[in-house]
Amino acid sequence: MLTSVKERSMEVSSLLVRGAIDLNMSPASKTEWIEQLVDLLVRAYRVQGRDEILRAVLEREATLSTAIGNGVAVPHAKVDGVPRLLLAFGRAPQGVDFDSPDGKPVYAAFLLVSPKAVASPHVQALAAISRIMIRDGVTDRVLEVGSPRAFIRLLKAEEAEL
């Protein structure tokens, strides 16, 4: 029996906890934003190894920008010591230069970290975030949400449309 795309899709909304969402970040640079996202993730999920996570994400970012265009970036890395796939989200209303392929600032960033031994969920989460965020008008709606709860509701609504 064939499985529909909707049934196979990972739900980004189910990966996020409200404590891993910050809608009012004001980083001065891409590196500073990644540092703030890592700190948010470490606090929200109470994981150890902040410096190792930060190093892995910055090393990945140095190879190629994780900006996907449309005002969105998905910095990510695989790190030994994290218990499972973890996700944090930050919004920077003033925008940050993230070396985006479209040359535009990034306003929304998802930080994705998973254990090195985990391959498929990591890739599925990256794909799911991209599918949602490249849709027309989604970034604008993300910039308008007023709370972490509203952000998760927005993600759920967009996932239902896929």
Protein backbone atom coordinates (compact mmCIF):
# COMPACT_ATOMS: atom_id res chain seq x y z
CA MET A 1 0.00 0.00 0.00
CA LEU A 2 1.34 3.43 -0.90
CA THR A 3 1.75 6.02 1.83
CA SER A 4 0.75 9.59 1.13
CA VAL A 5 3.26 12.40 1.53
CA LYS A 6 1.23 13.77 4.43
CA GLU A 7 1.47 10.46 6.31
CA ARG A 8 5.24 10.29 5.77
CA SER A 9 5.95 13.93 6.69
CA MET A 10 7.53 14.73 9.98
CA GLU A 11 5.54 17.25 11.99
CA VAL A 12 7.81 20.14 12.90
CA SER A 13 5.18 21.44 15.31
CA SER A 14 5.47 18.27 17.39
CA LEU A 15 9.24 18.70 17.75
CA LEU A 16 9.08 22.15 19.31
CA VAL A 17 8.41 23.02 22.92
CA ARG A 18 7.34 26.56 23.81
CA GLY A 19 10.50 27.11 25.86
CA ALA A 20 12.58 26.54 22.71
CA ILE A 21 10.94 29.45 20.87
CA ASP A 22 12.11 33.06 21.11
CA LEU A 23 10.20 35.56 18.98
CA ASN A 24 12.22 38.62 20.03
CA MET A 25 15.86 37.91 19.31
CA SER A 26 18.15 40.76 18.31
CA PRO A 27 21.48 39.28 17.22
CA ALA A 28 24.05 41.51 15.56
CA SER A 29 25.41 38.75 13.32
CA LYS A 30 24.82 35.23 12.05
CA THR A 31 27.34 33.83 14.55
CA GLU A 32 25.72 35.65 17.46
CA TRP A 33 22.29 34.38 16.39
CA ILE A 34 23.55 30.80 16.24
CA GLU A 35 25.06 31.22 19.72
CA GLN A 36 21.73 32.52 21.04
CA LEU A 37 19.84 29.65 19.39
CA VAL A 38 22.20 27.08 20.90
CA ASP A 39 21.75 28.66 24.35
CA LEU A 40 17.97 28.58 23.86
CA LEU A 41 18.08 24.91 22.86
CA VAL A 42 20.36 23.93 25.77
CA ARG A 43 18.10 25.71 28.29
CA ALA A 44 14.82 24.43 26.85
CA TYR A 45 15.84 20.78 26.67
CA ARG A 46 18.33 20.81 29.57
CA VAL A 47 21.06 19.20 27.49
CA GLN A 48 24.76 19.18 28.22
CA GLY A 49 27.58 19.99 25.80
CA ARG A 50 26.73 23.55 24.82
CA ASP A 51 30.23 24.24 23.49
CA GLU A 52 30.30 21.03 21.44
CA ILE A 53 26.89 21.80 19.96
CA LEU A 54 27.91 25.36 19.13
CA ARG A 55 31.17 24.21 17.55
CA ALA A 56 29.40 21.60 15.40
CA VAL A 57 26.74 24.07 14.19
CA LEU A 58 29.32 26.76 13.39
CA GLU A 59 31.52 24.23 11.55
CA ARG A 60 28.53 23.12 9.48
CA GLU A 61 27.61 26.74 8.77
CA ALA A 62 31.19 27.50 7.66
CA THR A 63 30.95 24.87 4.90
CA LEU A 64 27.81 26.37 3.34
CA SER A 65 25.17 28.79 4.56
CA THR A 66 22.06 27.10 5.90
CA ALA A 67 19.88 30.00 4.76
CA ILE A 68 17.22 28.61 2.42
CA GLY A 69 15.89 31.94 1.15
CA ASN A 70 12.55 33.61 1.83
CA GLY A 71 13.92 35.05 5.09
CA VAL A 72 14.61 31.63 6.64
CA ALA A 73 17.69 29.71 7.81
CA VAL A 74 18.02 26.24 9.28
CA PRO A 75 21.39 25.95 11.00
CA HIS A 76 21.92 22.33 11.96
CA ALA A 77 24.45 19.74 13.03
CA LYS A 78 24.84 16.21 14.29
CA VAL A 79 26.45 16.00 17.71
CA ASP A 80 27.36 13.10 19.96
CA GLY A 81 25.74 13.44 23.34
CA VAL A 82 22.36 14.89 22.41
CA PRO A 83 19.62 12.43 23.36
CA ARG A 84 17.41 12.84 20.27
CA LEU A 85 16.52 15.26 17.53
CA LEU A 86 16.08 18.71 19.11
CA LEU A 87 14.65 21.86 17.58
CA ALA A 88 14.67 25.51 18.59
CA PHE A 89 13.28 28.54 16.78
CA GLY A 90 14.26 32.18 16.88
CA ARG A 91 12.81 35.22 15.18
CA ALA A 92 14.86 38.36 14.63
CA PRO A 93 12.45 41.07 13.42
CA GLN A 94 15.30 43.35 12.29
CA GLY A 95 16.78 40.64 10.05
CA VAL A 96 20.33 39.30 9.90
CA ASP A 97 22.73 38.76 7.01
CA PHE A 98 22.97 34.97 6.80
CA ASP A 99 24.63 34.68 3.37
CA SER A 100 21.26 33.70 1.95
CA PRO A 101 21.09 32.44 -1.65
CA ASP A 102 18.55 35.16 -2.47
CA GLY A 103 20.77 37.84 -0.87
CA LYS A 104 18.02 38.88 1.54
CA PRO A 105 18.18 39.04 5.35
CA VAL A 106 16.99 36.14 7.49
CA TYR A 107 14.20 36.80 9.99
CA ALA A 108 13.37 33.26 11.09
CA ALA A 109 15.85 30.55 12.08
CA PHE A 110 15.26 26.95 13.12
CA LEU A 111 18.17 25.27 14.93
CA LEU A 112 18.15 21.50 14.44
CA VAL A 113 20.53 19.23 16.36
CA SER A 114 20.50 15.45 16.43
CA PRO A 115 22.77 12.59 17.50
CA LYS A 116 25.42 11.58 14.97
CA ALA A 117 23.92 8.11 14.74
CA VAL A 118 20.54 9.49 13.65
CA ALA A 119 20.27 10.11 9.91
CA SER A 120 16.73 9.79 8.63
CA PRO A 121 14.86 11.95 11.20
CA HIS A 122 17.47 14.73 10.80
CA VAL A 123 16.95 14.83 7.02
CA GLN A 124 13.17 14.49 7.38
CA ALA A 125 13.05 17.44 9.77
CA LEU A 126 15.14 19.61 7.43
CA ALA A 127 12.84 18.73 4.54
CA ALA A 128 9.68 19.36 6.57
CA ILE A 129 10.88 22.79 7.69
CA SER A 130 11.76 23.70 4.12
CA ARG A 131 8.39 22.51 2.77
CA ILE A 132 6.56 24.72 5.24
CA MET A 133 8.72 27.81 5.11
CA ILE A 134 9.09 28.13 1.34
CA ARG A 135 5.33 28.44 0.91
CA ASP A 136 4.04 31.85 -0.14
CA GLY A 137 3.23 34.12 2.79
CA VAL A 138 4.42 31.79 5.56
CA THR A 139 7.42 33.92 6.55
CA ASP A 140 5.15 36.98 6.72
CA ARG A 141 2.75 35.12 9.01
CA VAL A 142 5.67 33.92 11.16
CA LEU A 143 6.76 37.53 11.56
CA GLU A 144 3.29 38.47 12.80
CA VAL A 145 2.65 35.78 15.44
CA GLY A 146 2.59 37.12 18.97
CA SER A 147 3.45 34.12 21.11
CA PRO A 148 5.22 30.75 21.03
CA ARG A 149 1.81 29.06 21.29
CA ALA A 150 0.56 31.00 18.25
CA PHE A 151 3.72 30.06 16.37
CA ILE A 152 3.14 26.34 17.03
CA ARG A 153 -0.51 26.73 15.95
CA LEU A 154 0.69 28.39 12.74
CA LEU A 155 3.07 25.50 12.05
CA LYS A 156 0.27 22.98 12.67
CA ALA A 157 -2.02 24.83 10.27
CA GLU A 158 0.67 24.91 7.59
CA GLU A 159 1.42 21.20 8.09
CA ALA A 160 -2.26 20.41 7.61
CA GLU A 161 -2.13 22.19 4.24
CA LEU A 162 0.79 20.10 2.92
